[in-house]
């Protein structure tokens, strides 16, 4: 079977998402280009890899087997990269890091410090929500993830990293800005800008309010903290975000932290990797760097 690694990578992405459109977006290709790669594989092996039922596509029996094999090949290639990186040493390898969107501000400062110490390291950084991070870990597509607490029952190793206090933010002219010990009931008529489903911040927030007997009203759903901060600043509603992410906005007076009872909600960030994963010298060096230097890169308002 004369199939290229590039074609296998395209097939694997389509099989993972069961969507040509999403695969094309993630691979930065056009949908016709993705379809052409799949067609070339099917022509080569003489069997269909996908079948279409209604508006959805599904893997055929052949597609299921090829998907299993392609993932094994991808894992072996990553292992080969790891071995080469280990031979190179920490001075010049490749590091794959994935972080939750609430961690990105801290993570970028941390990575800048790591690059200063190891200037030849090539870093690949991915920023996504908790659901996306778990997918990257499952697919062995990252060395280390910095995130909220992962769900139990997964084959992962995690260690507490830093406290992650969640706070309620408001525009600087909000009517509750100067009040102290604000009761939760005072927020019942407020609207909130919320993170998307799959976000650890949203999960923690909804669980907390549900445990306290009411559901907050979401005026808008967005997939990153930057948009929440900007929306709150423009008066579209309140937000609940990590205190790590609002240092500049609070210092410049664009946002205020409301003194709401039971807040900050205290959560933790974790450093996570797959159990049994063989870390390269670079990844092990980064892991140790995070443990020793993490407090030097934290900024609270």
C-alpha atoms as a PDB file:
ATOM      1  CA  UNK A   1       0.000   0.000   0.000  1.00  0.00           C
ATOM      2  CA  UNK A   2       1.656   3.187  -1.222  1.00  0.00           C
ATOM      3  CA  UNK A   3       0.232   5.792   1.189  1.00  0.00           C
ATOM      4  CA  UNK A   4       2.268   8.763   2.395  1.00  0.00           C
ATOM      5  CA  UNK A   5       2.593   9.861   6.031  1.00  0.00           C
ATOM      6  CA  UNK A   6       0.955  13.150   5.062  1.00  0.00           C
ATOM      7  CA  UNK A   7      -2.069  11.318   3.693  1.00  0.00           C
ATOM      8  CA  UNK A   8      -2.294   9.230   6.852  1.00  0.00           C
ATOM      9  CA  UNK A   9      -2.174  12.393   8.980  1.00  0.00           C
ATOM     10  CA  UNK A  10      -5.042  13.896   6.962  1.00  0.00           C
ATOM     11  CA  UNK A  11      -7.055  10.684   7.225  1.00  0.00           C
ATOM     12  CA  UNK A  12      -6.445  10.486  10.972  1.00  0.00           C
ATOM     13  CA  UNK A  13      -7.718  14.029  11.479  1.00  0.00           C
ATOM     14  CA  UNK A  14     -10.895  13.378   9.457  1.00  0.00           C
ATOM     15  CA  UNK A  15     -11.463  10.091  11.294  1.00  0.00           C
ATOM     16  CA  UNK A  16     -10.999  11.745  14.678  1.00  0.00           C
ATOM     17  CA  UNK A  17     -13.524  14.514  14.021  1.00  0.00           C
ATOM     18  CA  UNK A  18     -15.718  12.594  11.544  1.00  0.00           C
ATOM     19  CA  UNK A  19     -15.789  15.862   9.649  1.00  0.00           C
ATOM     20  CA  UNK A  20     -13.923  17.005   6.554  1.00  0.00           C
ATOM     21  CA  UNK A  21     -14.603  20.626   7.493  1.00  0.00           C
ATOM     22  CA  UNK A  22     -13.153  20.437  11.013  1.00  0.00           C
ATOM     23  CA  UNK A  23     -10.149  18.439   9.765  1.00  0.00           C
ATOM     24  CA  UNK A  24      -9.469  21.078   7.113  1.00  0.00           C
ATOM     25  CA  UNK A  25      -9.674  23.871   9.699  1.00  0.00           C
ATOM     26  CA  UNK A  26      -7.256  22.145  12.068  1.00  0.00           C
ATOM     27  CA  UNK A  27      -4.812  21.246   9.283  1.00  0.00           C
ATOM     28  CA  UNK A  28      -5.060  24.738   7.730  1.00  0.00           C
ATOM     29  CA  UNK A  29      -6.123  23.206   4.412  1.00  0.00           C
ATOM     30  CA  UNK A  30      -9.109  23.678   2.149  1.00  0.00           C
ATOM     31  CA  UNK A  31     -11.879  21.103   2.318  1.00  0.00           C
ATOM     32  CA  UNK A  32     -11.323  20.052  -1.341  1.00  0.00           C
ATOM     33  CA  UNK A  33      -7.641  19.418  -0.538  1.00  0.00           C
ATOM     34  CA  UNK A  34      -8.623  17.159   2.367  1.00  0.00           C
ATOM     35  CA  UNK A  35     -11.190  15.337   0.248  1.00  0.00           C
ATOM     36  CA  UNK A  36      -8.584  14.795  -2.480  1.00  0.00           C
ATOM     37  CA  UNK A  37      -6.126  13.212  -0.017  1.00  0.00           C
ATOM     38  CA  UNK A  38      -8.804  10.819   1.240  1.00  0.00           C
ATOM     39  CA  UNK A  39      -9.816   9.958  -2.335  1.00  0.00           C
ATOM     40  CA  UNK A  40      -6.192   9.148  -3.193  1.00  0.00           C
ATOM     41  CA  UNK A  41      -5.955   6.735  -0.251  1.00  0.00           C
ATOM     42  CA  UNK A  42      -9.238   5.060  -1.208  1.00  0.00           C
ATOM     43  CA  UNK A  43      -8.097   4.733  -4.835  1.00  0.00           C
ATOM     44  CA  UNK A  44      -4.814   3.222  -3.671  1.00  0.00           C
ATOM     45  CA  UNK A  45      -6.380   0.557  -1.460  1.00  0.00           C
ATOM     46  CA  UNK A  46      -9.523   0.058  -3.551  1.00  0.00           C
ATOM     47  CA  UNK A  47     -11.934   0.394  -0.589  1.00  0.00           C
ATOM     48  CA  UNK A  48     -14.036   3.161   0.924  1.00  0.00           C
ATOM     49  CA  UNK A  49     -12.862   4.604   4.242  1.00  0.00           C
ATOM     50  CA  UNK A  50     -16.012   6.600   5.033  1.00  0.00           C
ATOM     51  CA  UNK A  51     -19.701   6.258   4.359  1.00  0.00           C
ATOM     52  CA  UNK A  52     -22.206   9.098   4.426  1.00  0.00           C
ATOM     53  CA  UNK A  53     -25.579   8.679   6.145  1.00  0.00           C
ATOM     54  CA  UNK A  54     -27.661  11.809   5.939  1.00  0.00           C
ATOM     55  CA  UNK A  55     -25.460  14.782   6.824  1.00  0.00           C
ATOM     56  CA  UNK A  56     -22.978  12.733   8.866  1.00  0.00           C
ATOM     57  CA  UNK A  57     -20.027  10.565   7.891  1.00  0.00           C
ATOM     58  CA  UNK A  58     -18.952   7.337   9.567  1.00  0.00           C
ATOM     59  CA  UNK A  59     -15.907   5.092   9.325  1.00  0.00           C
ATOM     60  CA  UNK A  60     -16.306   1.911   7.335  1.00  0.00           C
ATOM     61  CA  UNK A  61     -14.809  -1.320   8.659  1.00  0.00           C
ATOM     62  CA  UNK A  62     -11.694  -0.578   6.597  1.00  0.00           C
ATOM     63  CA  UNK A  63     -11.634   2.977   7.954  1.00  0.00           C
ATOM     64  CA  UNK A  64     -11.787   1.751  11.565  1.00  0.00           C
ATOM     65  CA  UNK A  65      -8.792  -0.537  11.034  1.00  0.00           C
ATOM     66  CA  UNK A  66      -6.775   2.122   9.197  1.00  0.00           C
ATOM     67  CA  UNK A  67      -7.554   4.665  11.932  1.00  0.00           C
ATOM     68  CA  UNK A  68      -6.229   2.253  14.559  1.00  0.00           C
ATOM     69  CA  UNK A  69      -3.051   1.647  12.551  1.00  0.00           C
ATOM     70  CA  UNK A  70      -2.541   5.336  11.745  1.00  0.00           C
ATOM     71  CA  UNK A  71      -2.691   6.220  15.451  1.00  0.00           C
ATOM     72  CA  UNK A  72      -0.094   3.544  16.207  1.00  0.00           C
ATOM     73  CA  UNK A  73       2.138   4.957  13.457  1.00  0.00           C
ATOM     74  CA  UNK A  74       1.699   8.510  14.815  1.00  0.00           C
ATOM     75  CA  UNK A  75       2.640   7.330  18.295  1.00  0.00           C
ATOM     76  CA  UNK A  76       5.781   5.627  16.958  1.00  0.00           C
ATOM     77  CA  UNK A  77       6.783   8.766  15.056  1.00  0.00           C
ATOM     78  CA  UNK A  78       6.369  10.848  18.215  1.00  0.00           C
ATOM     79  CA  UNK A  79       8.472   8.305  20.089  1.00  0.00           C
ATOM     80  CA  UNK A  80      11.141   8.615  17.381  1.00  0.00           C
ATOM     81  CA  UNK A  81      11.062  12.408  17.777  1.00  0.00           C
ATOM     82  CA  UNK A  82      11.464  11.944  21.512  1.00  0.00           C
ATOM     83  CA  UNK A  83      14.481   9.710  21.087  1.00  0.00           C
ATOM     84  CA  UNK A  84      16.125  12.168  18.699  1.00  0.00           C
ATOM     85  CA  UNK A  85      15.397  15.019  21.127  1.00  0.00           C
ATOM     86  CA  UNK A  86      16.948  12.973  23.907  1.00  0.00           C
ATOM     87  CA  UNK A  87      20.070  12.458  21.847  1.00  0.00           C
ATOM     88  CA  UNK A  88      20.228  16.198  21.189  1.00  0.00           C
ATOM     89  CA  UNK A  89      19.789  16.962  24.870  1.00  0.00           C
ATOM     90  CA  UNK A  90      17.873  19.802  26.510  1.00  0.00           C
ATOM     91  CA  UNK A  91      19.816  22.430  24.580  1.00  0.00           C
ATOM     92  CA  UNK A  92      18.151  21.692  21.246  1.00  0.00           C
ATOM     93  CA  UNK A  93      15.091  19.487  21.285  1.00  0.00           C
ATOM     94  CA  UNK A  94      11.377  19.983  20.685  1.00  0.00           C
ATOM     95  CA  UNK A  95       8.809  20.590  23.422  1.00  0.00           C
ATOM     96  CA  UNK A  96       5.053  20.066  22.987  1.00  0.00           C
ATOM     97  CA  UNK A  97       3.046  21.992  25.584  1.00  0.00           C
ATOM     98  CA  UNK A  98      -0.730  22.353  25.801  1.00  0.00           C
ATOM     99  CA  UNK A  99      -2.405  24.756  28.218  1.00  0.00           C
ATOM    100  CA  UNK A 100      -5.897  25.711  29.265  1.00  0.00           C
ATOM    101  CA  UNK A 101      -6.915  29.127  27.970  1.00  0.00           C
ATOM    102  CA  UNK A 102      -6.981  30.471  31.537  1.00  0.00           C
ATOM    103  CA  UNK A 103      -3.357  29.365  31.966  1.00  0.00           C
ATOM    104  CA  UNK A 104      -1.998  30.922  28.774  1.00  0.00           C
ATOM    105  CA  UNK A 105      -0.904  34.249  30.320  1.00  0.00           C
ATOM    106  CA  UNK A 106       1.086  32.500  33.033  1.00  0.00           C
ATOM    107  CA  UNK A 107       2.295  29.804  30.611  1.00  0.00           C
ATOM    108  CA  UNK A 108       3.691  32.284  28.084  1.00  0.00           C
ATOM    109  CA  UNK A 109       5.706  34.060  30.783  1.00  0.00           C
ATOM    110  CA  UNK A 110       6.893  30.663  32.015  1.00  0.00           C
ATOM    111  CA  UNK A 111       7.896  29.550  28.513  1.00  0.00           C
ATOM    112  CA  UNK A 112       9.741  32.823  27.951  1.00  0.00           C
ATOM    113  CA  UNK A 113      11.825  32.093  31.045  1.00  0.00           C
ATOM    114  CA  UNK A 114      12.431  28.524  29.885  1.00  0.00           C
ATOM    115  CA  UNK A 115      13.525  29.719  26.422  1.00  0.00           C
ATOM    116  CA  UNK A 116      15.928  32.158  28.013  1.00  0.00           C
ATOM    117  CA  UNK A 117      17.580  29.255  29.771  1.00  0.00           C
ATOM    118  CA  UNK A 118      17.348  26.881  26.777  1.00  0.00           C
ATOM    119  CA  UNK A 119      17.400  29.169  23.709  1.00  0.00           C
ATOM    120  CA  UNK A 120      17.728  26.364  21.130  1.00  0.00           C
ATOM    121  CA  UNK A 121      14.568  24.518  22.165  1.00  0.00           C
ATOM    122  CA  UNK A 122      11.753  24.501  19.609  1.00  0.00           C
ATOM    123  CA  UNK A 123       8.405  24.922  21.399  1.00  0.00           C
ATOM    124  CA  UNK A 124       4.961  24.024  20.070  1.00  0.00           C
ATOM    125  CA  UNK A 125       2.248  25.610  22.260  1.00  0.00           C
ATOM    126  CA  UNK A 126      -1.442  24.761  21.953  1.00  0.00           C
ATOM    127  CA  UNK A 127      -4.140  26.676  23.850  1.00  0.00           C
ATOM    128  CA  UNK A 128      -7.597  25.106  24.248  1.00  0.00           C
ATOM    129  CA  UNK A 129     -10.250  24.268  26.831  1.00  0.00           C
ATOM    130  CA  UNK A 130     -10.240  21.299  29.192  1.00  0.00           C
ATOM    131  CA  UNK A 131     -12.051  19.037  26.735  1.00  0.00           C
ATOM    132  CA  UNK A 132      -9.481  19.810  24.048  1.00  0.00           C
ATOM    133  CA  UNK A 133      -6.578  19.219  26.445  1.00  0.00           C
ATOM    134  CA  UNK A 134      -7.885  15.794  27.423  1.00  0.00           C
ATOM    135  CA  UNK A 135      -8.177  14.938  23.720  1.00  0.00           C
ATOM    136  CA  UNK A 136      -4.573  16.013  23.096  1.00  0.00           C
ATOM    137  CA  UNK A 137      -3.378  13.902  26.023  1.00  0.00           C
ATOM    138  CA  UNK A 138      -5.400  10.902  24.867  1.00  0.00           C
ATOM    139  CA  UNK A 139      -3.945  11.199  21.365  1.00  0.00           C
ATOM    140  CA  UNK A 140      -0.415  11.602  22.745  1.00  0.00           C
ATOM    141  CA  UNK A 141      -0.126  14.966  20.957  1.00  0.00           C
ATOM    142  CA  UNK A 142       1.439  16.867  23.839  1.00  0.00           C
ATOM    143  CA  UNK A 143       4.274  16.198  26.264  1.00  0.00           C
ATOM    144  CA  UNK A 144       2.837  18.181  29.173  1.00  0.00           C
ATOM    145  CA  UNK A 145      -0.463  19.957  29.816  1.00  0.00           C
ATOM    146  CA  UNK A 146      -1.087  22.789  32.274  1.00  0.00           C
ATOM    147  CA  UNK A 147      -4.766  22.783  33.201  1.00  0.00           C
ATOM    148  CA  UNK A 148      -7.427  22.508  35.868  1.00  0.00           C
ATOM    149  CA  UNK A 149      -7.896  19.246  37.728  1.00  0.00           C
ATOM    150  CA  UNK A 150      -8.482  16.439  35.207  1.00  0.00           C
ATOM    151  CA  UNK A 151     -11.416  14.047  35.728  1.00  0.00           C
ATOM    152  CA  UNK A 152     -10.763  10.898  37.720  1.00  0.00           C
ATOM    153  CA  UNK A 153     -10.425   7.529  36.069  1.00  0.00           C
ATOM    154  CA  UNK A 154      -8.138   8.615  33.225  1.00  0.00           C
ATOM    155  CA  UNK A 155      -4.672   7.174  32.642  1.00  0.00           C
ATOM    156  CA  UNK A 156      -2.938  10.417  33.597  1.00  0.00           C
ATOM    157  CA  UNK A 157      -0.334  11.619  36.067  1.00  0.00           C
ATOM    158  CA  UNK A 158      -1.110  15.008  37.598  1.00  0.00           C
ATOM    159  CA  UNK A 159       0.438  17.153  40.281  1.00  0.00           C
ATOM    160  CA  UNK A 160      -0.876  20.390  41.817  1.00  0.00           C
ATOM    161  CA  UNK A 161       0.754  23.442  40.319  1.00  0.00           C
ATOM    162  CA  UNK A 162      -0.756  26.687  41.652  1.00  0.00           C
ATOM    163  CA  UNK A 163      -3.923  28.013  43.241  1.00  0.00           C
ATOM    164  CA  UNK A 164      -6.375  29.290  40.638  1.00  0.00           C
ATOM    165  CA  UNK A 165      -8.870  31.671  42.278  1.00  0.00           C
ATOM    166  CA  UNK A 166     -11.967  32.441  40.214  1.00  0.00           C
ATOM    167  CA  UNK A 167     -13.370  35.935  40.737  1.00  0.00           C
ATOM    168  CA  UNK A 168     -16.399  37.913  39.577  1.00  0.00           C
ATOM    169  CA  UNK A 169     -15.435  40.827  37.331  1.00  0.00           C
ATOM    170  CA  UNK A 170     -17.469  43.877  36.325  1.00  0.00           C
ATOM    171  CA  UNK A 171     -16.989  47.095  34.338  1.00  0.00           C
ATOM    172  CA  UNK A 172     -15.492  49.943  36.331  1.00  0.00           C
ATOM    173  CA  UNK A 173     -18.834  51.804  36.501  1.00  0.00           C
ATOM    174  CA  UNK A 174     -20.944  48.864  37.730  1.00  0.00           C
ATOM    175  CA  UNK A 175     -23.457  49.661  40.474  1.00  0.00           C
ATOM    176  CA  UNK A 176     -22.023  46.944  42.780  1.00  0.00           C
ATOM    177  CA  UNK A 177     -18.378  48.023  42.390  1.00  0.00           C
ATOM    178  CA  UNK A 178     -18.052  49.687  45.827  1.00  0.00           C
ATOM    179  CA  UNK A 179     -20.177  47.267  47.842  1.00  0.00           C
ATOM    180  CA  UNK A 180     -18.669  44.761  50.268  1.00  0.00           C
ATOM    181  CA  UNK A 181     -19.838  41.251  51.123  1.00  0.00           C
ATOM    182  CA  UNK A 182     -22.230  41.114  48.178  1.00  0.00           C
ATOM    183  CA  UNK A 183     -24.770  38.317  48.652  1.00  0.00           C
ATOM    184  CA  UNK A 184     -25.077  35.717  45.923  1.00  0.00           C
ATOM    185  CA  UNK A 185     -28.755  36.631  45.603  1.00  0.00           C
ATOM    186  CA  UNK A 186     -27.697  40.096  44.456  1.00  0.00           C
ATOM    187  CA  UNK A 187     -26.345  38.452  41.287  1.00  0.00           C
ATOM    188  CA  UNK A 188     -29.614  36.748  40.453  1.00  0.00           C
ATOM    189  CA  UNK A 189     -30.760  39.543  38.134  1.00  0.00           C
ATOM    190  CA  UNK A 190     -27.324  40.048  36.568  1.00  0.00           C
ATOM    191  CA  UNK A 191     -26.364  38.555  33.226  1.00  0.00           C
ATOM    192  CA  UNK A 192     -23.045  36.827  32.674  1.00  0.00           C
ATOM    193  CA  UNK A 193     -20.659  36.224  29.814  1.00  0.00           C
ATOM    194  CA  UNK A 194     -19.811  32.542  30.031  1.00  0.00           C
ATOM    195  CA  UNK A 195     -17.144  30.273  28.617  1.00  0.00           C
ATOM    196  CA  UNK A 196     -18.161  27.517  26.204  1.00  0.00           C
ATOM    197  CA  UNK A 197     -19.260  24.013  27.232  1.00  0.00           C
ATOM    198  CA  UNK A 198     -16.136  21.943  27.920  1.00  0.00           C
ATOM    199  CA  UNK A 199     -14.361  24.771  29.730  1.00  0.00           C
ATOM    200  CA  UNK A 200     -13.138  23.950  33.237  1.00  0.00           C
ATOM    201  CA  UNK A 201     -14.036  27.461  34.439  1.00  0.00           C
ATOM    202  CA  UNK A 202     -17.620  27.092  33.233  1.00  0.00           C
ATOM    203  CA  UNK A 203     -17.967  23.645  34.786  1.00  0.00           C
ATOM    204  CA  UNK A 204     -16.720  24.904  38.170  1.00  0.00           C
ATOM    205  CA  UNK A 205     -18.941  27.994  38.019  1.00  0.00           C
ATOM    206  CA  UNK A 206     -22.137  26.148  37.100  1.00  0.00           C
ATOM    207  CA  UNK A 207     -21.492  23.504  39.758  1.00  0.00           C
ATOM    208  CA  UNK A 208     -20.993  26.180  42.437  1.00  0.00           C
ATOM    209  CA  UNK A 209     -24.186  28.104  41.630  1.00  0.00           C
ATOM    210  CA  UNK A 210     -26.188  24.886  41.313  1.00  0.00           C
ATOM    211  CA  UNK A 211     -25.010  23.800  44.771  1.00  0.00           C
ATOM    212  CA  UNK A 212     -26.176  27.175  46.089  1.00  0.00           C
ATOM    213  CA  UNK A 213     -29.648  26.863  44.650  1.00  0.00           C
ATOM    214  CA  UNK A 214     -29.860  28.965  41.530  1.00  0.00           C
ATOM    215  CA  UNK A 215     -28.809  29.214  37.927  1.00  0.00           C
ATOM    216  CA  UNK A 216     -27.126  32.314  36.549  1.00  0.00           C
ATOM    217  CA  UNK A 217     -28.315  33.898  33.328  1.00  0.00           C
ATOM    218  CA  UNK A 218     -25.817  33.763  30.441  1.00  0.00           C
ATOM    219  CA  UNK A 219     -26.141  36.608  27.942  1.00  0.00           C
ATOM    220  CA  UNK A 220     -23.324  35.395  25.712  1.00  0.00           C
ATOM    221  CA  UNK A 221     -21.115  32.319  25.302  1.00  0.00           C
ATOM    222  CA  UNK A 222     -17.521  32.829  24.143  1.00  0.00           C
ATOM    223  CA  UNK A 223     -14.559  30.505  23.782  1.00  0.00           C
ATOM    224  CA  UNK A 224     -11.766  32.582  25.312  1.00  0.00           C
ATOM    225  CA  UNK A 225     -11.100  34.776  28.341  1.00  0.00           C
ATOM    226  CA  UNK A 226      -9.957  37.726  26.252  1.00  0.00           C
ATOM    227  CA  UNK A 227     -13.436  38.043  24.749  1.00  0.00           C
ATOM    228  CA  UNK A 228     -15.054  37.750  28.178  1.00  0.00           C
ATOM    229  CA  UNK A 229     -12.873  40.527  29.578  1.00  0.00           C
ATOM    230  CA  UNK A 230     -13.574  42.804  26.630  1.00  0.00           C
ATOM    231  CA  UNK A 231     -17.315  42.089  26.785  1.00  0.00           C
ATOM    232  CA  UNK A 232     -17.437  42.834  30.510  1.00  0.00           C
ATOM    233  CA  UNK A 233     -15.459  46.022  29.966  1.00  0.00           C
ATOM    234  CA  UNK A 234     -18.022  47.122  27.359  1.00  0.00           C
ATOM    235  CA  UNK A 235     -20.926  46.498  29.751  1.00  0.00           C
ATOM    236  CA  UNK A 236     -22.367  43.327  28.210  1.00  0.00           C
ATOM    237  CA  UNK A 237     -22.529  41.573  31.582  1.00  0.00           C
ATOM    238  CA  UNK A 238     -20.448  40.204  34.441  1.00  0.00           C
ATOM    239  CA  UNK A 239     -17.787  37.525  34.066  1.00  0.00           C
ATOM    240  CA  UNK A 240     -16.183  34.830  36.185  1.00  0.00           C
ATOM    241  CA  UNK A 241     -12.524  34.382  35.314  1.00  0.00           C
ATOM    242  CA  UNK A 242      -9.226  33.289  36.789  1.00  0.00           C
ATOM    243  CA  UNK A 243      -7.644  36.048  38.855  1.00  0.00           C
ATOM    244  CA  UNK A 244      -4.380  35.250  37.073  1.00  0.00           C
ATOM    245  CA  UNK A 245      -5.780  36.635  33.816  1.00  0.00           C
ATOM    246  CA  UNK A 246      -6.848  40.170  34.785  1.00  0.00           C
ATOM    247  CA  UNK A 247      -3.704  41.789  36.171  1.00  0.00           C
ATOM    248  CA  UNK A 248      -3.424  44.542  33.537  1.00  0.00           C
ATOM    249  CA  UNK A 249      -7.163  45.285  33.291  1.00  0.00           C
ATOM    250  CA  UNK A 250      -7.519  45.788  37.053  1.00  0.00           C
ATOM    251  CA  UNK A 251      -4.352  47.872  37.345  1.00  0.00           C
ATOM    252  CA  UNK A 252      -5.518  50.202  34.572  1.00  0.00           C
ATOM    253  CA  UNK A 253      -9.021  50.504  36.028  1.00  0.00           C
ATOM    254  CA  UNK A 254     -10.805  48.912  33.072  1.00  0.00           C
ATOM    255  CA  UNK A 255     -12.252  46.120  35.228  1.00  0.00           C
ATOM    256  CA  UNK A 256     -13.070  45.689  38.919  1.00  0.00           C
ATOM    257  CA  UNK A 257     -13.300  42.564  41.055  1.00  0.00           C
ATOM    258  CA  UNK A 258     -16.623  42.405  42.920  1.00  0.00           C
ATOM    259  CA  UNK A 259     -16.510  41.457  46.593  1.00  0.00           C
ATOM    260  CA  UNK A 260     -19.020  38.604  46.341  1.00  0.00           C
ATOM    261  CA  UNK A 261     -19.585  36.196  49.223  1.00  0.00           C
ATOM    262  CA  UNK A 262     -17.873  32.806  48.755  1.00  0.00           C
ATOM    263  CA  UNK A 263     -15.548  34.268  46.125  1.00  0.00           C
ATOM    264  CA  UNK A 264     -12.837  33.751  45.088  1.00  0.00           C
ATOM    265  CA  UNK A 265     -13.763  30.176  44.229  1.00  0.00           C
ATOM    266  CA  UNK A 266     -10.524  28.380  44.982  1.00  0.00           C
ATOM    267  CA  UNK A 267      -9.462  25.920  42.328  1.00  0.00           C
ATOM    268  CA  UNK A 268      -6.040  24.611  41.356  1.00  0.00           C
ATOM    269  CA  UNK A 269      -3.988  24.321  38.217  1.00  0.00           C
ATOM    270  CA  UNK A 270      -2.236  21.022  37.572  1.00  0.00           C
ATOM    271  CA  UNK A 271       0.703  19.833  35.530  1.00  0.00           C
ATOM    272  CA  UNK A 272      -0.503  16.725  33.674  1.00  0.00           C
ATOM    273  CA  UNK A 273       0.950  14.079  31.371  1.00  0.00           C
ATOM    274  CA  UNK A 274       0.042  10.616  30.229  1.00  0.00           C
ATOM    275  CA  UNK A 275       0.892   7.818  32.596  1.00  0.00           C
ATOM    276  CA  UNK A 276       3.854   5.830  31.296  1.00  0.00           C
ATOM    277  CA  UNK A 277       4.797   8.454  28.713  1.00  0.00           C
ATOM    278  CA  UNK A 278       8.523   8.592  28.060  1.00  0.00           C
ATOM    279  CA  UNK A 279       9.559  12.222  28.492  1.00  0.00           C
ATOM    280  CA  UNK A 280      12.372  13.577  26.354  1.00  0.00           C
ATOM    281  CA  UNK A 281      15.263  15.384  28.028  1.00  0.00           C
ATOM    282  CA  UNK A 282      13.651  18.679  26.989  1.00  0.00           C
ATOM    283  CA  UNK A 283      10.246  17.786  28.415  1.00  0.00           C
ATOM    284  CA  UNK A 284      11.808  16.557  31.681  1.00  0.00           C
ATOM    285  CA  UNK A 285      13.818  19.795  31.906  1.00  0.00           C
ATOM    286  CA  UNK A 286      10.626  21.822  31.403  1.00  0.00           C
ATOM    287  CA  UNK A 287       8.792  19.789  34.032  1.00  0.00           C
ATOM    288  CA  UNK A 288      11.555  20.518  36.564  1.00  0.00           C
ATOM    289  CA  UNK A 289      11.669  24.180  35.515  1.00  0.00           C
ATOM    290  CA  UNK A 290       7.936  24.528  36.195  1.00  0.00           C
ATOM    291  CA  UNK A 291       8.265  22.940  39.630  1.00  0.00           C
ATOM    292  CA  UNK A 292      11.126  25.201  40.703  1.00  0.00           C
ATOM    293  CA  UNK A 293      10.283  28.503  39.006  1.00  0.00           C
ATOM    294  CA  UNK A 294       6.467  28.657  38.838  1.00  0.00           C
ATOM    295  CA  UNK A 295       6.044  31.197  41.645  1.00  0.00           C
ATOM    296  CA  UNK A 296       8.344  33.655  39.865  1.00  0.00           C
ATOM    297  CA  UNK A 297       5.874  34.018  36.974  1.00  0.00           C
ATOM    298  CA  UNK A 298       2.601  34.518  38.844  1.00  0.00           C
ATOM    299  CA  UNK A 299       0.958  37.964  38.687  1.00  0.00           C
ATOM    300  CA  UNK A 300      -2.135  38.822  40.697  1.00  0.00           C
ATOM    301  CA  UNK A 301      -3.918  42.194  40.569  1.00  0.00           C
END
